[in-house]
């Protein structure tokens, strides 16, 4: 996870709980992305090659293609999110005595804020893309692991929604056009997230009740 890659779970938890602004919610969302991907990969491995669950092999192959790269990318995004926020804080600390310094500082803040919006946007898009692939795995994958598909979906939903919060808070600080474009994308992704989340959770619930 960038600078957190060598942390134990306890160390990461304590870093998240500290009063330091990073790691924060964006980092947590990216970690949730990686965890959701890991659970999806587990269910794929428990499905592929098992005759009883042959109907789910194709779904498992598709999900694995999407999820496997996110085991690493999710943790990279965790570090990138923290670095992006640190860059915003650094920009706010720039000198602002002269008009030129004020102009340079304003530009630096806008550039850093855009970066702090773009990183969680990537997290959200990855999480939604994987979430949208889960219904077939939930339906036909290893029935003994359908609850794990459900937990994966919950983690991915949290990753997406949480990351979008971070996009929104940064987009609100940007000049009109760039901020409006980002908010339009946030609104679109939220609508798609709701549809995808309800679909997979209904399948999980129905299969668990059989």
N, C-alpha and C. Protein backbone atom coordinates (compact mmCIF):
# COMPACT_ATOMS: atom_id res chain seq x y z
N UNK A 1 0.84 -1.20 0.00
CA UNK A 1 0.00 0.00 0.00
C UNK A 1 0.87 1.25 0.00
N UNK A 2 1.74 1.33 -1.01
CA UNK A 2 2.62 2.47 -1.00
C UNK A 2 3.47 2.46 0.25
N UNK A 3 3.46 3.56 1.00
CA UNK A 3 4.25 3.63 2.22
C UNK A 3 3.71 2.71 3.31
N UNK A 4 2.51 2.18 3.13
CA UNK A 4 1.92 1.29 4.12
C UNK A 4 2.16 -0.19 3.79
N UNK A 5 2.89 -0.46 2.71
CA UNK A 5 3.00 -1.84 2.23
C UNK A 5 3.66 -2.77 3.23
N UNK A 6 4.50 -2.23 4.10
CA UNK A 6 5.16 -3.08 5.08
C UNK A 6 4.42 -3.16 6.41
N UNK A 7 3.26 -2.52 6.49
CA UNK A 7 2.52 -2.50 7.74
C UNK A 7 1.84 -3.84 8.01
N UNK A 8 1.77 -4.23 9.26
CA UNK A 8 0.89 -5.32 9.65
C UNK A 8 -0.53 -4.77 9.69
N UNK A 9 -1.51 -5.66 9.81
CA UNK A 9 -2.89 -5.21 9.93
C UNK A 9 -3.07 -4.30 11.14
N UNK A 10 -2.41 -4.65 12.24
CA UNK A 10 -2.52 -3.84 13.45
C UNK A 10 -1.92 -2.46 13.23
N UNK A 11 -0.77 -2.40 12.56
CA UNK A 11 -0.11 -1.12 12.31
C UNK A 11 -0.96 -0.24 11.39
N UNK A 12 -1.53 -0.85 10.37
CA UNK A 12 -2.39 -0.09 9.46
C UNK A 12 -3.62 0.43 10.20
N UNK A 13 -4.23 -0.43 11.01
CA UNK A 13 -5.39 -0.01 11.81
C UNK A 13 -5.04 1.19 12.68
N UNK A 14 -3.89 1.12 13.35
CA UNK A 14 -3.51 2.20 14.25
C UNK A 14 -3.20 3.48 13.48
N UNK A 15 -2.60 3.34 12.30
CA UNK A 15 -2.34 4.52 11.47
C UNK A 15 -3.65 5.17 11.04
N UNK A 16 -4.62 4.35 10.69
CA UNK A 16 -5.93 4.87 10.28
C UNK A 16 -6.65 5.54 11.44
N UNK A 17 -6.45 5.02 12.64
CA UNK A 17 -7.13 5.56 13.82
C UNK A 17 -6.46 6.81 14.38
N UNK A 18 -5.25 7.10 13.94
CA UNK A 18 -4.51 8.23 14.49
C UNK A 18 -5.12 9.55 14.02
N UNK A 19 -4.66 10.64 14.63
CA UNK A 19 -5.17 11.96 14.26
C UNK A 19 -4.51 12.50 13.00
N UNK A 20 -3.53 11.79 12.46
CA UNK A 20 -2.90 12.23 11.20
C UNK A 20 -3.94 12.17 10.08
N UNK A 21 -3.92 13.16 9.18
CA UNK A 21 -4.94 13.17 8.11
C UNK A 21 -4.79 12.02 7.11
N UNK A 22 -3.59 11.47 7.01
CA UNK A 22 -3.38 10.30 6.15
C UNK A 22 -2.72 9.20 6.95
N UNK A 23 -3.14 7.94 6.74
CA UNK A 23 -4.18 7.49 5.82
C UNK A 23 -5.56 7.88 6.31
N UNK A 24 -6.47 8.07 5.36
CA UNK A 24 -7.83 8.44 5.70
C UNK A 24 -8.83 7.62 4.91
N UNK A 25 -9.99 8.23 4.65
CA UNK A 25 -11.07 7.51 4.01
C UNK A 25 -10.76 7.02 2.62
N UNK A 26 -10.02 7.80 1.85
CA UNK A 26 -9.67 7.38 0.50
C UNK A 26 -8.77 6.16 0.50
N UNK A 27 -7.83 6.14 1.43
CA UNK A 27 -6.96 4.97 1.57
C UNK A 27 -7.78 3.76 2.01
N UNK A 28 -8.68 3.95 2.96
CA UNK A 28 -9.51 2.85 3.43
C UNK A 28 -10.38 2.30 2.30
N UNK A 29 -10.89 3.17 1.44
CA UNK A 29 -11.70 2.72 0.31
C UNK A 29 -10.88 1.87 -0.64
N UNK A 30 -9.64 2.28 -0.89
CA UNK A 30 -8.78 1.51 -1.79
C UNK A 30 -8.40 0.16 -1.19
N UNK A 31 -8.19 0.12 0.12
CA UNK A 31 -7.92 -1.15 0.79
C UNK A 31 -9.15 -2.07 0.69
N UNK A 32 -10.34 -1.49 0.86
CA UNK A 32 -11.57 -2.27 0.71
C UNK A 32 -11.69 -2.83 -0.70
N UNK A 33 -11.26 -2.07 -1.69
CA UNK A 33 -11.24 -2.55 -3.07
C UNK A 33 -10.39 -3.81 -3.18
N UNK A 34 -9.18 -3.76 -2.62
CA UNK A 34 -8.28 -4.91 -2.69
C UNK A 34 -8.85 -6.10 -1.93
N UNK A 35 -9.48 -5.85 -0.79
CA UNK A 35 -10.06 -6.94 -0.01
C UNK A 35 -11.25 -7.57 -0.74
N UNK A 36 -12.09 -6.74 -1.34
CA UNK A 36 -13.20 -7.26 -2.12
C UNK A 36 -12.72 -8.09 -3.29
N UNK A 37 -11.64 -7.64 -3.93
CA UNK A 37 -11.07 -8.39 -5.04
C UNK A 37 -10.49 -9.72 -4.57
N UNK A 38 -9.87 -9.70 -3.39
CA UNK A 38 -9.27 -10.93 -2.86
C UNK A 38 -10.34 -11.98 -2.57
N UNK A 39 -11.44 -11.57 -1.98
CA UNK A 39 -12.54 -12.50 -1.71
C UNK A 39 -13.14 -13.04 -3.00
N UNK A 40 -13.27 -12.18 -4.00
CA UNK A 40 -13.79 -12.63 -5.29
C UNK A 40 -12.87 -13.68 -5.90
N UNK A 41 -11.56 -13.45 -5.80
CA UNK A 41 -10.60 -14.42 -6.31
C UNK A 41 -10.72 -15.75 -5.57
N UNK A 42 -10.94 -15.70 -4.28
CA UNK A 42 -11.08 -16.92 -3.50
C UNK A 42 -12.26 -17.75 -3.99
N UNK A 43 -13.39 -17.09 -4.22
CA UNK A 43 -14.58 -17.81 -4.69
C UNK A 43 -14.33 -18.38 -6.09
N UNK A 44 -13.63 -17.63 -6.92
CA UNK A 44 -13.28 -18.14 -8.25
C UNK A 44 -12.46 -19.42 -8.13
N UNK A 45 -11.48 -19.43 -7.26
CA UNK A 45 -10.62 -20.59 -7.09
C UNK A 45 -11.38 -21.78 -6.51
N UNK A 46 -12.40 -21.49 -5.69
CA UNK A 46 -13.21 -22.56 -5.12
C UNK A 46 -14.25 -23.10 -6.10
N UNK A 47 -14.38 -22.42 -7.23
CA UNK A 47 -15.36 -22.81 -8.25
C UNK A 47 -14.70 -23.52 -9.42
N UNK A 48 -13.65 -22.93 -9.95
CA UNK A 48 -12.99 -23.46 -11.14
C UNK A 48 -12.42 -24.86 -10.89
N UNK A 49 -12.67 -25.75 -11.83
CA UNK A 49 -12.12 -27.10 -11.75
C UNK A 49 -12.92 -28.07 -10.92
N UNK A 50 -14.00 -27.62 -10.31
CA UNK A 50 -14.85 -28.50 -9.49
C UNK A 50 -16.10 -28.84 -10.29
N UNK A 51 -16.25 -30.12 -10.56
CA UNK A 51 -17.32 -30.56 -11.45
C UNK A 51 -18.69 -30.10 -10.98
N UNK A 52 -18.90 -30.11 -9.68
CA UNK A 52 -20.22 -29.73 -9.16
C UNK A 52 -20.59 -28.31 -9.54
N UNK A 53 -19.58 -27.45 -9.72
CA UNK A 53 -19.84 -26.04 -9.99
C UNK A 53 -19.41 -25.64 -11.40
N UNK A 54 -19.47 -26.61 -12.33
CA UNK A 54 -19.02 -26.35 -13.69
C UNK A 54 -19.80 -25.22 -14.35
N UNK A 55 -21.06 -25.05 -13.99
CA UNK A 55 -21.87 -23.97 -14.55
C UNK A 55 -21.28 -22.59 -14.23
N UNK A 56 -20.45 -22.54 -13.20
CA UNK A 56 -19.88 -21.25 -12.79
C UNK A 56 -18.45 -21.02 -13.25
N UNK A 57 -17.89 -21.98 -14.00
CA UNK A 57 -16.49 -21.83 -14.40
C UNK A 57 -16.25 -20.59 -15.26
N UNK A 58 -17.12 -20.37 -16.23
CA UNK A 58 -16.94 -19.22 -17.12
C UNK A 58 -17.04 -17.91 -16.33
N UNK A 59 -18.01 -17.85 -15.42
CA UNK A 59 -18.15 -16.65 -14.59
C UNK A 59 -16.93 -16.43 -13.73
N UNK A 60 -16.39 -17.54 -13.17
CA UNK A 60 -15.20 -17.43 -12.34
C UNK A 60 -14.01 -16.92 -13.13
N UNK A 61 -13.87 -17.40 -14.36
CA UNK A 61 -12.76 -16.94 -15.21
C UNK A 61 -12.88 -15.45 -15.49
N UNK A 62 -14.11 -14.99 -15.75
CA UNK A 62 -14.33 -13.58 -16.06
C UNK A 62 -14.04 -12.71 -14.84
N UNK A 63 -14.55 -13.12 -13.69
CA UNK A 63 -14.33 -12.35 -12.47
C UNK A 63 -12.85 -12.31 -12.12
N UNK A 64 -12.18 -13.44 -12.27
CA UNK A 64 -10.76 -13.50 -11.92
C UNK A 64 -9.93 -12.53 -12.77
N UNK A 65 -10.27 -12.41 -14.04
CA UNK A 65 -9.55 -11.49 -14.93
C UNK A 65 -9.64 -10.05 -14.43
N UNK A 66 -10.80 -9.70 -13.91
CA UNK A 66 -11.00 -8.33 -13.42
C UNK A 66 -10.40 -8.16 -12.03
N UNK A 67 -10.57 -9.17 -11.17
CA UNK A 67 -10.19 -9.03 -9.77
C UNK A 67 -8.69 -9.16 -9.53
N UNK A 68 -8.04 -10.06 -10.23
CA UNK A 68 -6.63 -10.35 -9.92
C UNK A 68 -5.72 -9.12 -9.96
N UNK A 69 -5.81 -8.27 -10.98
CA UNK A 69 -4.94 -7.08 -10.99
C UNK A 69 -5.21 -6.12 -9.84
N UNK A 70 -6.42 -6.17 -9.29
CA UNK A 70 -6.80 -5.23 -8.23
C UNK A 70 -6.22 -5.62 -6.88
N UNK A 71 -5.70 -6.85 -6.75
CA UNK A 71 -5.03 -7.22 -5.51
C UNK A 71 -3.83 -6.30 -5.27
N UNK A 72 -3.14 -5.96 -6.35
CA UNK A 72 -1.99 -5.04 -6.26
C UNK A 72 -2.44 -3.60 -6.45
N UNK A 73 -3.27 -3.36 -7.48
CA UNK A 73 -3.64 -1.99 -7.80
C UNK A 73 -4.39 -1.32 -6.66
N UNK A 74 -5.22 -2.08 -5.96
CA UNK A 74 -5.94 -1.50 -4.82
C UNK A 74 -5.00 -0.97 -3.77
N UNK A 75 -3.96 -1.73 -3.48
CA UNK A 75 -3.00 -1.28 -2.47
C UNK A 75 -2.15 -0.12 -2.98
N UNK A 76 -1.86 -0.11 -4.28
CA UNK A 76 -1.16 1.04 -4.84
C UNK A 76 -2.01 2.30 -4.71
N UNK A 77 -3.29 2.17 -5.00
CA UNK A 77 -4.19 3.32 -4.89
C UNK A 77 -4.30 3.82 -3.45
N UNK A 78 -4.18 2.90 -2.49
CA UNK A 78 -4.21 3.32 -1.09
C UNK A 78 -3.08 4.29 -0.79
N UNK A 79 -1.89 3.96 -1.25
CA UNK A 79 -0.75 4.85 -1.06
C UNK A 79 -0.86 6.11 -1.88
N UNK A 80 -1.35 5.99 -3.12
CA UNK A 80 -1.49 7.15 -3.99
C UNK A 80 -2.51 8.14 -3.44
N UNK A 81 -3.56 7.63 -2.82
CA UNK A 81 -4.57 8.51 -2.25
C UNK A 81 -3.98 9.35 -1.11
N UNK A 82 -3.23 8.69 -0.24
CA UNK A 82 -2.59 9.42 0.86
C UNK A 82 -1.61 10.45 0.33
N UNK A 83 -0.83 10.08 -0.69
CA UNK A 83 0.15 11.00 -1.27
C UNK A 83 -0.55 12.18 -1.92
N UNK A 84 -1.69 11.93 -2.56
CA UNK A 84 -2.42 13.01 -3.21
C UNK A 84 -2.93 14.03 -2.20
N UNK A 85 -3.43 13.55 -1.08
CA UNK A 85 -3.91 14.48 -0.04
C UNK A 85 -2.74 15.23 0.58
N UNK A 86 -1.62 14.55 0.79
CA UNK A 86 -0.44 15.24 1.31
C UNK A 86 0.01 16.35 0.37
N UNK A 87 -0.14 16.14 -0.94
CA UNK A 87 0.22 17.16 -1.92
C UNK A 87 -0.68 18.38 -1.80
N UNK A 88 -1.95 18.15 -1.52
CA UNK A 88 -2.88 19.27 -1.31
C UNK A 88 -2.45 20.09 -0.10
N UNK A 89 -2.13 19.41 0.98
CA UNK A 89 -1.70 20.11 2.19
C UNK A 89 -0.41 20.89 1.96
N UNK A 90 0.49 20.30 1.18
CA UNK A 90 1.75 20.99 0.87
C UNK A 90 1.48 22.25 0.04
N UNK A 91 0.53 22.16 -0.88
CA UNK A 91 0.19 23.32 -1.71
C UNK A 91 -0.38 24.45 -0.86
N UNK A 92 -1.20 24.13 0.11
CA UNK A 92 -1.78 25.15 0.99
C UNK A 92 -0.71 25.83 1.84
N UNK A 93 0.42 25.16 2.06
CA UNK A 93 1.49 25.75 2.88
C UNK A 93 2.45 26.62 2.08
N UNK A 94 2.24 26.73 0.77
CA UNK A 94 3.11 27.56 -0.06
C UNK A 94 2.98 29.03 0.34
N UNK A 95 4.05 29.82 0.14
CA UNK A 95 4.00 31.24 0.51
C UNK A 95 2.97 32.02 -0.31
N UNK A 96 2.43 33.06 0.28
CA UNK A 96 1.42 33.87 -0.41
C UNK A 96 1.57 35.34 -0.04
N UNK A 97 2.79 35.81 -0.04
CA UNK A 97 3.05 37.22 0.28
C UNK A 97 2.79 38.12 -0.91
N UNK A 98 3.39 37.79 -2.06
CA UNK A 98 3.23 38.62 -3.24
C UNK A 98 2.07 38.11 -4.10
N UNK A 99 1.67 38.92 -5.07
CA UNK A 99 0.59 38.50 -5.98
C UNK A 99 1.03 37.29 -6.79
N UNK A 100 2.31 37.27 -7.19
CA UNK A 100 2.82 36.13 -7.95
C UNK A 100 2.79 34.86 -7.12
N UNK A 101 3.19 34.97 -5.86
CA UNK A 101 3.15 33.80 -4.98
C UNK A 101 1.71 33.31 -4.77
N UNK A 102 0.79 34.27 -4.65
CA UNK A 102 -0.61 33.89 -4.49
C UNK A 102 -1.13 33.14 -5.71
N UNK A 103 -0.74 33.62 -6.90
CA UNK A 103 -1.17 32.97 -8.14
C UNK A 103 -0.59 31.57 -8.26
N UNK A 104 0.72 31.45 -7.96
CA UNK A 104 1.37 30.14 -8.03
C UNK A 104 0.76 29.17 -7.01
N UNK A 105 0.45 29.70 -5.83
CA UNK A 105 -0.14 28.86 -4.79
C UNK A 105 -1.53 28.38 -5.21
N UNK A 106 -2.33 29.28 -5.78
CA UNK A 106 -3.68 28.91 -6.21
C UNK A 106 -3.64 27.82 -7.28
N UNK A 107 -2.70 27.98 -8.23
CA UNK A 107 -2.55 26.97 -9.28
C UNK A 107 -2.12 25.64 -8.71
N UNK A 108 -1.17 25.69 -7.78
CA UNK A 108 -0.67 24.45 -7.16
C UNK A 108 -1.79 23.75 -6.39
N UNK A 109 -2.62 24.53 -5.71
CA UNK A 109 -3.74 23.94 -4.96
C UNK A 109 -4.72 23.27 -5.91
N UNK A 110 -5.04 23.95 -7.02
CA UNK A 110 -5.99 23.38 -7.98
C UNK A 110 -5.46 22.09 -8.59
N UNK A 111 -4.18 22.09 -8.95
CA UNK A 111 -3.57 20.90 -9.55
C UNK A 111 -3.57 19.73 -8.56
N UNK A 112 -3.18 20.03 -7.33
CA UNK A 112 -3.13 18.98 -6.31
C UNK A 112 -4.53 18.48 -5.97
N UNK A 113 -5.50 19.38 -5.91
CA UNK A 113 -6.88 18.99 -5.60
C UNK A 113 -7.46 18.12 -6.70
N UNK A 114 -7.15 18.44 -7.93
CA UNK A 114 -7.59 17.60 -9.05
C UNK A 114 -7.00 16.20 -8.91
N UNK A 115 -5.72 16.12 -8.55
CA UNK A 115 -5.11 14.82 -8.34
C UNK A 115 -5.76 14.06 -7.20
N UNK A 116 -6.14 14.78 -6.16
CA UNK A 116 -6.79 14.15 -5.01
C UNK A 116 -8.20 13.69 -5.34
N UNK A 117 -8.79 14.19 -6.42
CA UNK A 117 -10.09 13.72 -6.88
C UNK A 117 -9.93 12.56 -7.86
N UNK A 118 -8.89 12.60 -8.67
CA UNK A 118 -8.71 11.59 -9.71
C UNK A 118 -8.34 10.23 -9.14
N UNK A 119 -7.57 10.20 -8.07
CA UNK A 119 -7.18 8.90 -7.49
C UNK A 119 -8.39 8.14 -6.97
N UNK A 120 -9.23 8.73 -6.11
CA UNK A 120 -10.41 7.98 -5.66
C UNK A 120 -11.40 7.69 -6.78
N UNK A 121 -11.41 8.52 -7.81
CA UNK A 121 -12.28 8.23 -8.95
C UNK A 121 -11.86 6.91 -9.59
N UNK A 122 -10.56 6.69 -9.69
CA UNK A 122 -10.06 5.42 -10.23
C UNK A 122 -10.46 4.26 -9.33
N UNK A 123 -10.34 4.46 -8.03
CA UNK A 123 -10.77 3.43 -7.07
C UNK A 123 -12.24 3.09 -7.28
N UNK A 124 -13.08 4.10 -7.41
CA UNK A 124 -14.52 3.89 -7.58
C UNK A 124 -14.84 3.14 -8.86
N UNK A 125 -14.18 3.50 -9.93
CA UNK A 125 -14.44 2.86 -11.23
C UNK A 125 -14.03 1.39 -11.18
N UNK A 126 -12.88 1.10 -10.60
CA UNK A 126 -12.44 -0.29 -10.48
C UNK A 126 -13.43 -1.10 -9.62
N UNK A 127 -13.85 -0.52 -8.51
CA UNK A 127 -14.76 -1.23 -7.61
C UNK A 127 -16.08 -1.53 -8.30
N UNK A 128 -16.62 -0.56 -9.01
CA UNK A 128 -17.88 -0.75 -9.71
C UNK A 128 -17.75 -1.80 -10.79
N UNK A 129 -16.66 -1.76 -11.54
CA UNK A 129 -16.46 -2.72 -12.62
C UNK A 129 -16.43 -4.15 -12.10
N UNK A 130 -15.74 -4.36 -10.98
CA UNK A 130 -15.69 -5.70 -10.40
C UNK A 130 -17.05 -6.09 -9.83
N UNK A 131 -17.70 -5.17 -9.16
CA UNK A 131 -19.02 -5.44 -8.59
C UNK A 131 -19.99 -5.89 -9.68
N UNK A 132 -19.94 -5.25 -10.84
CA UNK A 132 -20.84 -5.58 -11.93
C UNK A 132 -20.59 -6.97 -12.50
N UNK A 133 -19.42 -7.54 -12.23
CA UNK A 133 -19.10 -8.88 -12.74
C UNK A 133 -19.56 -9.99 -11.79
N UNK A 134 -19.98 -9.65 -10.58
CA UNK A 134 -20.25 -10.66 -9.56
C UNK A 134 -21.58 -11.41 -9.66
N UNK A 135 -22.63 -10.85 -10.26
CA UNK A 135 -23.90 -11.58 -10.26
C UNK A 135 -23.81 -13.01 -10.80
N UNK A 136 -23.12 -13.24 -11.89
CA UNK A 136 -23.03 -14.59 -12.45
C UNK A 136 -22.28 -15.53 -11.51
N UNK A 137 -21.26 -15.01 -10.83
CA UNK A 137 -20.52 -15.83 -9.87
C UNK A 137 -21.40 -16.14 -8.66
N UNK A 138 -22.17 -15.16 -8.23
CA UNK A 138 -23.09 -15.39 -7.11
C UNK A 138 -24.14 -16.43 -7.47
N UNK A 139 -24.57 -16.44 -8.71
CA UNK A 139 -25.63 -17.35 -9.16
C UNK A 139 -25.12 -18.77 -9.37
N UNK A 140 -23.95 -18.90 -10.01
CA UNK A 140 -23.49 -20.23 -10.44
C UNK A 140 -22.18 -20.68 -9.82
N UNK A 141 -21.54 -19.84 -9.04
CA UNK A 141 -20.28 -20.23 -8.42
C UNK A 141 -20.50 -21.21 -7.28
N UNK A 142 -19.43 -21.57 -6.62
CA UNK A 142 -19.48 -22.52 -5.50
C UNK A 142 -20.51 -22.06 -4.46
N UNK A 143 -21.55 -22.87 -4.29
CA UNK A 143 -22.63 -22.49 -3.39
C UNK A 143 -22.21 -22.38 -1.94
N UNK A 144 -21.14 -23.07 -1.58
CA UNK A 144 -20.65 -22.99 -0.20
C UNK A 144 -19.95 -21.66 0.09
N UNK A 145 -19.67 -20.91 -0.97
CA UNK A 145 -18.95 -19.64 -0.81
C UNK A 145 -19.79 -18.45 -1.27
N UNK A 146 -21.10 -18.65 -1.43
CA UNK A 146 -21.92 -17.53 -1.91
C UNK A 146 -21.94 -16.39 -0.90
N UNK A 147 -21.81 -16.71 0.39
CA UNK A 147 -21.75 -15.64 1.39
C UNK A 147 -20.50 -14.79 1.20
N UNK A 148 -19.43 -15.42 0.72
CA UNK A 148 -18.19 -14.67 0.47
C UNK A 148 -18.34 -13.73 -0.72
N UNK A 149 -19.15 -14.15 -1.70
CA UNK A 149 -19.47 -13.23 -2.80
C UNK A 149 -20.22 -12.02 -2.24
N UNK A 150 -21.11 -12.28 -1.29
CA UNK A 150 -21.86 -11.19 -0.67
C UNK A 150 -20.96 -10.22 0.07
N UNK A 151 -20.00 -10.76 0.82
CA UNK A 151 -19.07 -9.88 1.55
C UNK A 151 -18.19 -9.11 0.56
N UNK A 152 -17.75 -9.78 -0.49
CA UNK A 152 -16.98 -9.10 -1.53
C UNK A 152 -17.78 -7.93 -2.10
N UNK A 153 -19.06 -8.19 -2.40
CA UNK A 153 -19.91 -7.13 -2.95
C UNK A 153 -20.06 -5.96 -1.98
N UNK A 154 -20.21 -6.27 -0.70
CA UNK A 154 -20.33 -5.20 0.30
C UNK A 154 -19.06 -4.36 0.38
N UNK A 155 -17.92 -5.03 0.35
CA UNK A 155 -16.64 -4.31 0.39
C UNK A 155 -16.47 -3.44 -0.86
N UNK A 156 -16.84 -3.97 -2.00
CA UNK A 156 -16.70 -3.21 -3.24
C UNK A 156 -17.68 -2.04 -3.28
N UNK A 157 -18.88 -2.24 -2.74
CA UNK A 157 -19.84 -1.14 -2.66
C UNK A 157 -19.31 -0.03 -1.75
N UNK A 158 -18.75 -0.44 -0.61
CA UNK A 158 -18.16 0.55 0.31
C UNK A 158 -16.98 1.26 -0.33
N UNK A 159 -16.16 0.50 -1.05
CA UNK A 159 -15.00 1.10 -1.72
C UNK A 159 -15.45 2.14 -2.73
N UNK A 160 -16.46 1.79 -3.52
CA UNK A 160 -16.94 2.71 -4.56
C UNK A 160 -17.60 3.94 -3.94
N UNK A 161 -18.52 3.72 -3.05
CA UNK A 161 -19.25 4.85 -2.45
C UNK A 161 -18.31 5.73 -1.63
N UNK A 162 -17.41 5.11 -0.86
CA UNK A 162 -16.46 5.88 -0.07
C UNK A 162 -15.52 6.69 -0.94
N UNK A 163 -15.04 6.09 -2.01
CA UNK A 163 -14.15 6.81 -2.92
C UNK A 163 -14.87 7.99 -3.56
N UNK A 164 -16.14 7.79 -3.90
CA UNK A 164 -16.91 8.88 -4.51
C UNK A 164 -17.11 10.04 -3.55
N UNK A 165 -17.21 9.76 -2.26
CA UNK A 165 -17.26 10.86 -1.28
C UNK A 165 -16.00 11.72 -1.41
N UNK A 166 -14.86 11.05 -1.57
CA UNK A 166 -13.60 11.79 -1.68
C UNK A 166 -13.49 12.57 -2.98
N UNK A 167 -14.03 12.00 -4.04
CA UNK A 167 -14.08 12.75 -5.30
C UNK A 167 -14.92 14.00 -5.12
N UNK A 168 -16.06 13.83 -4.49
CA UNK A 168 -16.99 14.95 -4.33
C UNK A 168 -16.39 16.08 -3.50
N UNK A 169 -15.76 15.74 -2.38
CA UNK A 169 -15.26 16.80 -1.51
C UNK A 169 -14.13 17.58 -2.18
N UNK A 170 -13.36 16.91 -3.03
CA UNK A 170 -12.31 17.62 -3.75
C UNK A 170 -12.86 18.37 -4.96
N UNK A 171 -13.83 17.78 -5.65
CA UNK A 171 -14.41 18.44 -6.81
C UNK A 171 -15.09 19.74 -6.43
N UNK A 172 -15.65 19.80 -5.23
CA UNK A 172 -16.35 21.01 -4.79
C UNK A 172 -15.40 22.19 -4.61
N UNK A 173 -14.09 21.92 -4.53
CA UNK A 173 -13.11 22.98 -4.35
C UNK A 173 -12.48 23.43 -5.67
N UNK A 174 -12.83 22.76 -6.76
CA UNK A 174 -12.22 23.05 -8.04
C UNK A 174 -12.98 24.13 -8.81
N UNK A 175 -12.31 24.80 -9.75
CA UNK A 175 -13.00 25.77 -10.60
C UNK A 175 -14.19 25.13 -11.31
N UNK A 176 -15.13 25.95 -11.71
CA UNK A 176 -16.43 25.49 -12.16
C UNK A 176 -16.41 24.30 -13.12
N UNK A 177 -15.73 24.42 -14.25
CA UNK A 177 -15.85 23.40 -15.29
C UNK A 177 -15.31 22.04 -14.86
N UNK A 178 -14.08 22.04 -14.34
CA UNK A 178 -13.49 20.76 -13.94
C UNK A 178 -14.27 20.14 -12.78
N UNK A 179 -14.73 20.97 -11.87
CA UNK A 179 -15.51 20.47 -10.75
C UNK A 179 -16.85 19.91 -11.21
N UNK A 180 -17.50 20.59 -12.15
CA UNK A 180 -18.80 20.14 -12.65
C UNK A 180 -18.67 18.82 -13.40
N UNK A 181 -17.60 18.66 -14.17
CA UNK A 181 -17.39 17.41 -14.92
C UNK A 181 -17.21 16.24 -13.96
N UNK A 182 -16.44 16.46 -12.92
CA UNK A 182 -16.23 15.40 -11.94
C UNK A 182 -17.53 15.05 -11.22
N UNK A 183 -18.30 16.04 -10.84
CA UNK A 183 -19.55 15.79 -10.13
C UNK A 183 -20.56 15.07 -11.02
N UNK A 184 -20.54 15.36 -12.31
CA UNK A 184 -21.40 14.65 -13.24
C UNK A 184 -21.04 13.17 -13.28
N UNK A 185 -19.75 12.89 -13.26
CA UNK A 185 -19.30 11.51 -13.27
C UNK A 185 -19.65 10.82 -11.95
N UNK A 186 -19.52 11.54 -10.85
CA UNK A 186 -19.89 10.99 -9.55
C UNK A 186 -21.36 10.58 -9.54
N UNK A 187 -22.22 11.46 -10.03
CA UNK A 187 -23.66 11.16 -10.06
C UNK A 187 -23.95 9.93 -10.91
N UNK A 188 -23.28 9.84 -12.05
CA UNK A 188 -23.48 8.69 -12.94
C UNK A 188 -23.04 7.39 -12.27
N UNK A 189 -21.88 7.42 -11.63
CA UNK A 189 -21.34 6.22 -10.98
C UNK A 189 -22.21 5.80 -9.80
N UNK A 190 -22.75 6.76 -9.07
CA UNK A 190 -23.62 6.42 -7.94
C UNK A 190 -24.88 5.69 -8.41
N UNK A 191 -25.44 6.13 -9.52
CA UNK A 191 -26.61 5.46 -10.05
C UNK A 191 -26.29 4.04 -10.47
N UNK A 192 -25.16 3.86 -11.14
CA UNK A 192 -24.75 2.52 -11.58
C UNK A 192 -24.42 1.63 -10.39
N UNK A 193 -23.83 2.23 -9.37
CA UNK A 193 -23.48 1.47 -8.16
C UNK A 193 -24.74 0.92 -7.50
N UNK A 194 -25.76 1.74 -7.37
CA UNK A 194 -26.99 1.30 -6.71
C UNK A 194 -27.60 0.11 -7.45
N UNK A 195 -27.64 0.19 -8.77
CA UNK A 195 -28.20 -0.89 -9.58
C UNK A 195 -27.40 -2.17 -9.42
N UNK A 196 -26.07 -2.05 -9.52
CA UNK A 196 -25.21 -3.23 -9.45
C UNK A 196 -25.25 -3.87 -8.07
N UNK A 197 -25.26 -3.04 -7.04
CA UNK A 197 -25.25 -3.55 -5.67
C UNK A 197 -26.54 -4.31 -5.35
N UNK A 198 -27.68 -3.74 -5.73
CA UNK A 198 -28.96 -4.39 -5.47
C UNK A 198 -29.04 -5.72 -6.21
N UNK A 199 -28.56 -5.75 -7.45
CA UNK A 199 -28.63 -6.97 -8.24
C UNK A 199 -27.86 -8.12 -7.59
N UNK A 200 -26.61 -7.87 -7.24
CA UNK A 200 -25.81 -8.97 -6.70
C UNK A 200 -26.28 -9.37 -5.32
N UNK A 201 -26.70 -8.41 -4.50
CA UNK A 201 -27.15 -8.76 -3.15
C UNK A 201 -28.46 -9.56 -3.19
N UNK A 202 -29.34 -9.26 -4.14
CA UNK A 202 -30.57 -10.03 -4.28
C UNK A 202 -30.26 -11.48 -4.66
N UNK A 203 -29.29 -11.66 -5.54
CA UNK A 203 -28.92 -13.02 -5.94
C UNK A 203 -28.32 -13.77 -4.76
N UNK A 204 -27.45 -13.11 -4.01
CA UNK A 204 -26.85 -13.74 -2.83
C UNK A 204 -27.93 -14.11 -1.82
N UNK A 205 -28.82 -13.17 -1.53
CA UNK A 205 -29.88 -13.43 -0.56
C UNK A 205 -30.77 -14.60 -0.99
N UNK A 206 -31.13 -14.60 -2.27
CA UNK A 206 -32.00 -15.67 -2.77
C UNK A 206 -31.31 -17.04 -2.71
N UNK A 207 -30.06 -17.07 -3.04
CA UNK A 207 -29.35 -18.35 -3.03
C UNK A 207 -29.13 -18.86 -1.60
N UNK A 208 -28.89 -17.94 -0.69
CA UNK A 208 -28.73 -18.35 0.72
C UNK A 208 -30.02 -18.89 1.31
N UNK A 209 -31.14 -18.42 0.80
CA UNK A 209 -32.43 -18.84 1.37
C UNK A 209 -32.97 -20.12 0.74
N UNK A 210 -32.28 -20.65 -0.25
CA UNK A 210 -32.75 -21.87 -0.91
C UNK A 210 -32.56 -23.10 -0.02
